[in-house]
Amino acid sequence: MLTMYSTAWCGYCKRLKRQMDDAGIPYEVVDIESDPTAEQLVRDANNGNATVPTVVFPDGTVMTNPSLRQVTEKVTSAA
């Protein structure tokens, strides 16, 4: 299962969540504003920036603000 690092106020995050729900892609959400360790993981993945959504796939690869198409292609290729 992939993990999406997010914030409650992020419009891009809300959109990607809705799209993944509609596509039936399972995911876990971690709010970086309530988890300092998660925020640091996101910063490490994004050159010091707390950019969300940041998606981490089971194989450890990371995508920042991916489209549904990018997520679907990655999930499909891993299956």
C-alpha atoms as a PDB file:
ATOM      1  CA  MET A   1       0.000   0.000   0.000  1.00  0.00           C
ATOM      2  CA  LEU A   2       1.267   3.475  -0.783  1.00  0.00           C
ATOM      3  CA  THR A   3       1.504   6.305   1.721  1.00  0.00           C
ATOM      4  CA  MET A   4       0.456   9.854   0.923  1.00  0.00           C
ATOM      5  CA  TYR A   5       1.956  12.595   3.042  1.00  0.00           C
ATOM      6  CA  SER A   6      -0.508  15.439   3.232  1.00  0.00           C
ATOM      7  CA  THR A   7      -1.950  18.357   5.188  1.00  0.00           C
ATOM      8  CA  ALA A   8      -5.592  19.035   6.016  1.00  0.00           C
ATOM      9  CA  TRP A   9      -5.641  22.258   3.981  1.00  0.00           C
ATOM     10  CA  CYS A  10      -3.852  21.088   0.809  1.00  0.00           C
ATOM     11  CA  GLY A  11      -6.141  21.273  -2.227  1.00  0.00           C
ATOM     12  CA  TYR A  12      -3.822  19.136  -4.364  1.00  0.00           C
ATOM     13  CA  CYS A  13      -3.898  16.477  -1.640  1.00  0.00           C
ATOM     14  CA  LYS A  14      -7.693  16.522  -1.462  1.00  0.00           C
ATOM     15  CA  ARG A  15      -7.919  16.150  -5.225  1.00  0.00           C
ATOM     16  CA  LEU A  16      -5.473  13.240  -5.369  1.00  0.00           C
ATOM     17  CA  LYS A  17      -7.229  11.492  -2.454  1.00  0.00           C
ATOM     18  CA  ARG A  18     -10.588  11.814  -4.224  1.00  0.00           C
ATOM     19  CA  GLN A  19      -9.123  10.540  -7.496  1.00  0.00           C
ATOM     20  CA  MET A  20      -7.439   7.560  -5.834  1.00  0.00           C
ATOM     21  CA  ASP A  21     -10.659   6.755  -3.963  1.00  0.00           C
ATOM     22  CA  ASP A  22     -12.588   6.843  -7.249  1.00  0.00           C
ATOM     23  CA  ALA A  23      -9.940   4.636  -8.900  1.00  0.00           C
ATOM     24  CA  GLY A  24      -9.972   2.144  -6.017  1.00  0.00           C
ATOM     25  CA  ILE A  25      -6.295   2.649  -5.172  1.00  0.00           C
ATOM     26  CA  PRO A  26      -5.680   1.894  -1.478  1.00  0.00           C
ATOM     27  CA  TYR A  27      -3.467   4.294   0.448  1.00  0.00           C
ATOM     28  CA  GLU A  28      -2.585   5.505   3.900  1.00  0.00           C
ATOM     29  CA  VAL A  29      -2.563   9.222   4.718  1.00  0.00           C
ATOM     30  CA  VAL A  30      -0.078  10.815   7.093  1.00  0.00           C
ATOM     31  CA  ASP A  31      -0.618  14.462   8.086  1.00  0.00           C
ATOM     32  CA  ILE A  32       2.817  16.062   8.238  1.00  0.00           C
ATOM     33  CA  GLU A  33       1.542  18.872  10.460  1.00  0.00           C
ATOM     34  CA  SER A  34       0.803  16.429  13.265  1.00  0.00           C
ATOM     35  CA  ASP A  35       3.830  14.164  12.718  1.00  0.00           C
ATOM     36  CA  PRO A  36       7.264  15.852  12.812  1.00  0.00           C
ATOM     37  CA  THR A  37       8.986  12.651  11.655  1.00  0.00           C
ATOM     38  CA  ALA A  38       6.744  12.540   8.586  1.00  0.00           C
ATOM     39  CA  GLU A  39       7.416  16.214   7.871  1.00  0.00           C
ATOM     40  CA  GLN A  40      11.153  15.537   7.951  1.00  0.00           C
ATOM     41  CA  LEU A  41      10.727  12.572   5.575  1.00  0.00           C
ATOM     42  CA  VAL A  42       8.893  14.864   3.149  1.00  0.00           C
ATOM     43  CA  ARG A  43      11.545  17.574   3.486  1.00  0.00           C
ATOM     44  CA  ASP A  44      14.296  15.016   2.863  1.00  0.00           C
ATOM     45  CA  ALA A  45      12.517  13.848  -0.293  1.00  0.00           C
ATOM     46  CA  ASN A  46      11.934  17.385  -1.583  1.00  0.00           C
ATOM     47  CA  ASN A  47      15.204  19.268  -1.148  1.00  0.00           C
ATOM     48  CA  GLY A  48      14.192  20.703   2.239  1.00  0.00           C
ATOM     49  CA  ASN A  49      10.663  21.689   1.215  1.00  0.00           C
ATOM     50  CA  ALA A  50       7.528  20.371   2.932  1.00  0.00           C
ATOM     51  CA  THR A  51       5.813  19.838  -0.419  1.00  0.00           C
ATOM     52  CA  VAL A  52       2.615  17.806  -0.386  1.00  0.00           C
ATOM     53  CA  PRO A  53       1.222  15.580  -1.607  1.00  0.00           C
ATOM     54  CA  THR A  54       4.320  13.439  -1.432  1.00  0.00           C
ATOM     55  CA  VAL A  55       3.564   9.805  -2.244  1.00  0.00           C
ATOM     56  CA  VAL A  56       5.827   6.957  -1.140  1.00  0.00           C
ATOM     57  CA  PHE A  57       5.301   3.616  -2.852  1.00  0.00           C
ATOM     58  CA  PRO A  58       5.927   0.192  -1.276  1.00  0.00           C
ATOM     59  CA  ASP A  59       9.210  -0.122  -3.209  1.00  0.00           C
ATOM     60  CA  GLY A  60      10.464   3.097  -1.572  1.00  0.00           C
ATOM     61  CA  THR A  61      10.182   5.358  -4.618  1.00  0.00           C
ATOM     62  CA  VAL A  62       8.759   8.825  -4.088  1.00  0.00           C
ATOM     63  CA  MET A  63       6.632  11.140  -6.228  1.00  0.00           C
ATOM     64  CA  THR A  64       5.815  14.729  -5.364  1.00  0.00           C
ATOM     65  CA  ASN A  65       2.423  16.071  -6.428  1.00  0.00           C
ATOM     66  CA  PRO A  66       1.869  13.232  -8.900  1.00  0.00           C
ATOM     67  CA  SER A  67      -1.086  12.986 -11.230  1.00  0.00           C
ATOM     68  CA  LEU A  68      -3.523  10.108 -10.891  1.00  0.00           C
ATOM     69  CA  ARG A  69      -2.083   8.750 -14.126  1.00  0.00           C
ATOM     70  CA  GLN A  70       1.431   8.663 -12.672  1.00  0.00           C
ATOM     71  CA  VAL A  71       0.203   6.901  -9.530  1.00  0.00           C
ATOM     72  CA  THR A  72      -1.870   4.416 -11.527  1.00  0.00           C
ATOM     73  CA  GLU A  73       1.047   3.606 -13.849  1.00  0.00           C
ATOM     74  CA  LYS A  74       3.382   3.082 -10.883  1.00  0.00           C
ATOM     75  CA  VAL A  75       0.892   0.910  -8.982  1.00  0.00           C
ATOM     76  CA  THR A  76       0.073  -1.118 -12.119  1.00  0.00           C
ATOM     77  CA  SER A  77       3.734  -1.693 -12.999  1.00  0.00           C
ATOM     78  CA  ALA A  78       4.444  -2.922  -9.471  1.00  0.00           C
ATOM     79  CA  ALA A  79       1.636  -5.480  -9.516  1.00  0.00           C
END
